[in-house]
């Protein structure tokens, strides 16, 4: 199943985000769930990171919730809001 995660950073989280970026990327790469897509959410300036968006392929929402709890960004208190939902992939125009 696919599971989407939408995270919004605390207003003062940019420094913590940057400090934990390498650990976060390594965690995703070695993860127990497969990352389908992921990347930072950006402010209107198109540059400043203000959150994260993920789509995972996993066996359950509970598995993704546990994976997210252990993410270095979550452990470093980067994300203020986290929404996790099952996701139905209907269109994928990537080739």
N, C-alpha and C. Protein backbone atom coordinates (compact mmCIF):
# COMPACT_ATOMS: atom_id res chain seq x y z
N UNK A 1 0.84 -1.18 0.00
CA UNK A 1 0.00 0.00 0.00
C UNK A 1 0.88 1.24 0.00
N UNK A 2 0.33 2.33 -0.53
CA UNK A 2 1.02 3.62 -0.48
C UNK A 2 0.50 4.43 0.69
N UNK A 3 1.42 5.17 1.32
CA UNK A 3 1.09 6.04 2.45
C UNK A 3 1.78 7.37 2.23
N UNK A 4 1.01 8.46 2.34
CA UNK A 4 1.55 9.81 2.17
C UNK A 4 1.75 10.47 3.53
N UNK A 5 2.84 11.21 3.64
CA UNK A 5 3.12 11.99 4.84
C UNK A 5 3.37 13.42 4.42
N UNK A 6 2.67 14.34 5.06
CA UNK A 6 2.83 15.77 4.83
C UNK A 6 3.27 16.39 6.16
N UNK A 7 4.44 17.00 6.17
CA UNK A 7 4.99 17.57 7.40
C UNK A 7 5.26 19.06 7.21
N UNK A 8 4.91 19.85 8.21
CA UNK A 8 5.18 21.28 8.20
C UNK A 8 6.13 21.57 9.36
N UNK A 9 7.21 22.28 9.05
CA UNK A 9 8.23 22.57 10.05
C UNK A 9 7.77 23.61 11.08
N UNK A 10 8.40 23.56 12.25
CA UNK A 10 8.29 24.67 13.20
C UNK A 10 8.91 25.89 12.53
N UNK A 11 8.43 27.09 12.84
CA UNK A 11 8.98 28.29 12.21
C UNK A 11 10.49 28.46 12.41
N UNK A 12 11.02 27.96 13.52
CA UNK A 12 12.45 28.12 13.82
C UNK A 12 13.26 26.86 13.53
N UNK A 13 12.77 25.98 12.65
CA UNK A 13 13.38 24.66 12.47
C UNK A 13 14.46 24.58 11.40
N UNK A 14 14.67 25.62 10.63
CA UNK A 14 15.58 25.50 9.50
C UNK A 14 16.98 25.05 9.91
N UNK A 15 17.52 25.62 10.97
CA UNK A 15 18.86 25.23 11.43
C UNK A 15 18.88 23.76 11.84
N UNK A 16 17.87 23.29 12.59
CA UNK A 16 17.80 21.87 12.99
C UNK A 16 17.65 20.98 11.76
N UNK A 17 16.87 21.43 10.79
CA UNK A 17 16.70 20.68 9.55
C UNK A 17 18.06 20.49 8.87
N UNK A 18 18.81 21.57 8.72
CA UNK A 18 20.10 21.51 8.04
C UNK A 18 21.10 20.66 8.82
N UNK A 19 21.09 20.77 10.14
CA UNK A 19 22.00 19.99 10.98
C UNK A 19 21.73 18.49 10.88
N UNK A 20 20.49 18.10 10.63
CA UNK A 20 20.11 16.69 10.62
C UNK A 20 19.84 16.15 9.22
N UNK A 21 20.15 16.93 8.20
CA UNK A 21 19.82 16.56 6.82
C UNK A 21 20.52 15.27 6.39
N UNK A 22 21.82 15.15 6.65
CA UNK A 22 22.56 13.94 6.23
C UNK A 22 22.00 12.70 6.93
N UNK A 23 21.72 12.81 8.21
CA UNK A 23 21.17 11.66 8.95
C UNK A 23 19.78 11.29 8.44
N UNK A 24 18.97 12.29 8.11
CA UNK A 24 17.64 12.06 7.57
C UNK A 24 17.72 11.32 6.23
N UNK A 25 18.58 11.78 5.34
CA UNK A 25 18.73 11.14 4.03
C UNK A 25 19.23 9.71 4.17
N UNK A 26 20.19 9.49 5.05
CA UNK A 26 20.70 8.14 5.28
C UNK A 26 19.62 7.23 5.84
N UNK A 27 18.80 7.78 6.73
CA UNK A 27 17.70 7.01 7.32
C UNK A 27 16.70 6.58 6.25
N UNK A 28 16.35 7.50 5.35
CA UNK A 28 15.42 7.15 4.27
C UNK A 28 16.03 6.10 3.35
N UNK A 29 17.30 6.24 3.04
CA UNK A 29 17.96 5.31 2.11
C UNK A 29 18.04 3.90 2.67
N UNK A 30 18.19 3.78 3.97
CA UNK A 30 18.32 2.46 4.61
C UNK A 30 17.02 2.00 5.24
N UNK A 31 15.94 2.68 4.93
CA UNK A 31 14.67 2.47 5.62
C UNK A 31 14.04 1.12 5.45
N UNK A 32 13.20 0.80 6.41
CA UNK A 32 12.45 -0.46 6.40
C UNK A 32 11.22 -0.37 5.50
N UNK A 33 10.90 0.84 5.04
CA UNK A 33 9.82 1.04 4.07
C UNK A 33 10.42 1.68 2.84
N UNK A 34 9.83 1.41 1.68
CA UNK A 34 10.37 1.93 0.43
C UNK A 34 9.84 3.34 0.17
N UNK A 35 10.75 4.27 -0.07
CA UNK A 35 10.36 5.63 -0.43
C UNK A 35 10.06 5.66 -1.92
N UNK A 36 8.83 6.05 -2.26
CA UNK A 36 8.44 6.20 -3.66
C UNK A 36 8.89 7.56 -4.17
N UNK A 37 8.52 8.62 -3.45
CA UNK A 37 8.99 9.98 -3.72
C UNK A 37 9.13 10.70 -2.38
N UNK A 38 10.02 11.68 -2.35
CA UNK A 38 10.15 12.51 -1.16
C UNK A 38 10.88 13.79 -1.53
N UNK A 39 10.67 14.80 -0.71
CA UNK A 39 11.38 16.05 -0.91
C UNK A 39 10.84 17.12 0.01
N UNK A 40 11.57 18.24 0.07
CA UNK A 40 11.14 19.32 0.95
C UNK A 40 10.00 20.12 0.34
N UNK A 41 9.12 20.60 1.22
CA UNK A 41 8.14 21.61 0.85
C UNK A 41 8.85 22.96 0.91
N UNK A 42 8.51 23.85 -0.01
CA UNK A 42 9.21 25.13 -0.09
C UNK A 42 8.28 26.30 0.17
N UNK A 43 8.84 27.37 0.71
CA UNK A 43 8.14 28.64 0.89
C UNK A 43 7.88 29.25 -0.49
N UNK A 44 7.03 30.26 -0.56
CA UNK A 44 6.75 30.90 -1.84
C UNK A 44 7.99 31.40 -2.59
N UNK A 45 9.12 31.60 -1.90
CA UNK A 45 10.34 32.04 -2.59
C UNK A 45 10.96 30.94 -3.45
N UNK A 46 10.42 29.70 -3.30
CA UNK A 46 10.91 28.58 -4.10
C UNK A 46 12.23 28.01 -3.65
N UNK A 47 12.76 28.49 -2.51
CA UNK A 47 14.07 28.06 -2.03
C UNK A 47 14.04 27.59 -0.58
N UNK A 48 13.40 28.35 0.29
CA UNK A 48 13.42 28.06 1.73
C UNK A 48 12.59 26.82 2.05
N UNK A 49 13.23 25.85 2.71
CA UNK A 49 12.54 24.61 3.09
C UNK A 49 11.66 24.86 4.31
N UNK A 50 10.39 24.43 4.20
CA UNK A 50 9.42 24.67 5.29
C UNK A 50 8.68 23.40 5.69
N UNK A 51 9.06 22.26 5.14
CA UNK A 51 8.38 21.02 5.46
C UNK A 51 8.88 19.89 4.60
N UNK A 52 8.15 18.78 4.64
CA UNK A 52 8.54 17.59 3.89
C UNK A 52 7.30 16.89 3.36
N UNK A 53 7.47 16.22 2.22
CA UNK A 53 6.41 15.42 1.63
C UNK A 53 6.99 14.08 1.23
N UNK A 54 6.29 13.01 1.58
CA UNK A 54 6.74 11.65 1.27
C UNK A 54 5.57 10.83 0.76
N UNK A 55 5.87 9.89 -0.10
CA UNK A 55 4.96 8.78 -0.40
C UNK A 55 5.79 7.52 -0.23
N UNK A 56 5.31 6.64 0.63
CA UNK A 56 5.99 5.38 0.92
C UNK A 56 5.19 4.20 0.41
N UNK A 57 5.88 3.13 0.11
CA UNK A 57 5.27 1.84 -0.19
C UNK A 57 5.56 0.96 1.02
N UNK A 58 4.51 0.56 1.72
CA UNK A 58 4.68 -0.18 2.98
C UNK A 58 3.55 -1.17 3.15
N UNK A 59 3.66 -1.99 4.16
CA UNK A 59 2.63 -2.99 4.41
C UNK A 59 1.45 -2.44 5.20
N UNK A 60 1.66 -1.31 5.91
CA UNK A 60 0.58 -0.74 6.72
C UNK A 60 0.87 0.70 7.08
N UNK A 61 -0.17 1.42 7.45
CA UNK A 61 0.00 2.79 7.96
C UNK A 61 0.79 2.76 9.26
N UNK A 62 0.53 1.78 10.09
CA UNK A 62 1.25 1.67 11.37
C UNK A 62 2.76 1.54 11.16
N UNK A 63 3.15 0.80 10.13
CA UNK A 63 4.58 0.66 9.83
C UNK A 63 5.19 2.01 9.46
N UNK A 64 4.47 2.80 8.66
CA UNK A 64 4.95 4.12 8.26
C UNK A 64 4.96 5.08 9.45
N UNK A 65 3.96 5.01 10.31
CA UNK A 65 3.93 5.85 11.50
C UNK A 65 5.16 5.58 12.37
N UNK A 66 5.49 4.31 12.57
CA UNK A 66 6.66 3.96 13.38
C UNK A 66 7.94 4.44 12.70
N UNK A 67 8.02 4.27 11.39
CA UNK A 67 9.19 4.72 10.64
C UNK A 67 9.34 6.24 10.77
N UNK A 68 8.25 6.98 10.66
CA UNK A 68 8.28 8.43 10.78
C UNK A 68 8.70 8.88 12.17
N UNK A 69 8.23 8.19 13.20
CA UNK A 69 8.60 8.57 14.58
C UNK A 69 10.10 8.49 14.79
N UNK A 70 10.77 7.55 14.13
CA UNK A 70 12.22 7.36 14.31
C UNK A 70 13.06 8.19 13.35
N UNK A 71 12.43 8.93 12.44
CA UNK A 71 13.15 9.76 11.48
C UNK A 71 13.97 10.81 12.24
N UNK A 72 15.23 11.04 11.85
CA UNK A 72 16.04 12.04 12.53
C UNK A 72 15.41 13.44 12.56
N UNK A 73 14.66 13.82 11.54
CA UNK A 73 13.99 15.11 11.58
C UNK A 73 12.94 15.13 12.69
N UNK A 74 12.21 14.05 12.85
CA UNK A 74 11.20 13.99 13.90
C UNK A 74 11.89 13.99 15.27
N UNK A 75 12.94 13.24 15.39
CA UNK A 75 13.68 13.18 16.65
C UNK A 75 14.29 14.54 17.02
N UNK A 76 14.64 15.35 16.01
CA UNK A 76 15.24 16.66 16.25
C UNK A 76 14.20 17.77 16.37
N UNK A 77 12.92 17.38 16.38
CA UNK A 77 11.84 18.36 16.56
C UNK A 77 11.80 19.39 15.43
N UNK A 78 11.98 18.91 14.19
CA UNK A 78 11.90 19.78 13.01
C UNK A 78 10.44 20.02 12.64
N UNK A 79 9.63 18.97 12.68
CA UNK A 79 8.25 19.06 12.19
C UNK A 79 7.26 19.45 13.29
N UNK A 80 6.50 20.48 13.02
CA UNK A 80 5.44 20.93 13.94
C UNK A 80 4.17 20.12 13.72
N UNK A 81 3.83 19.87 12.46
CA UNK A 81 2.61 19.15 12.10
C UNK A 81 2.96 17.98 11.19
N UNK A 82 2.37 16.83 11.46
CA UNK A 82 2.59 15.63 10.64
C UNK A 82 1.23 15.01 10.36
N UNK A 83 0.93 14.84 9.08
CA UNK A 83 -0.30 14.16 8.66
C UNK A 83 0.09 12.92 7.88
N UNK A 84 -0.48 11.78 8.26
CA UNK A 84 -0.18 10.51 7.61
C UNK A 84 -1.50 9.88 7.16
N UNK A 85 -1.56 9.54 5.87
CA UNK A 85 -2.79 8.99 5.30
C UNK A 85 -2.49 7.93 4.25
N UNK A 86 -3.34 6.91 4.15
CA UNK A 86 -3.25 6.01 3.00
C UNK A 86 -3.41 6.84 1.72
N UNK A 87 -2.74 6.40 0.66
CA UNK A 87 -2.74 7.15 -0.59
C UNK A 87 -3.00 6.21 -1.74
N UNK A 88 -3.93 6.59 -2.61
CA UNK A 88 -4.27 5.78 -3.78
C UNK A 88 -3.60 6.41 -5.00
N UNK A 89 -2.56 5.77 -5.50
CA UNK A 89 -1.84 6.26 -6.67
C UNK A 89 -2.66 5.97 -7.92
N UNK A 90 -3.18 7.00 -8.53
CA UNK A 90 -4.05 6.81 -9.70
C UNK A 90 -3.36 7.26 -10.98
N UNK A 91 -2.54 8.28 -10.90
CA UNK A 91 -1.84 8.79 -12.09
C UNK A 91 -0.36 8.93 -11.75
N UNK A 92 0.48 8.42 -12.62
CA UNK A 92 1.93 8.56 -12.49
C UNK A 92 2.47 8.72 -13.90
N UNK A 93 2.76 9.95 -14.29
CA UNK A 93 3.21 10.23 -15.64
C UNK A 93 4.73 10.22 -15.78
N UNK A 94 5.44 9.81 -14.73
CA UNK A 94 6.90 9.71 -14.84
C UNK A 94 7.25 8.53 -15.71
N UNK A 95 8.32 8.67 -16.45
CA UNK A 95 8.79 7.54 -17.26
C UNK A 95 10.25 7.38 -17.16
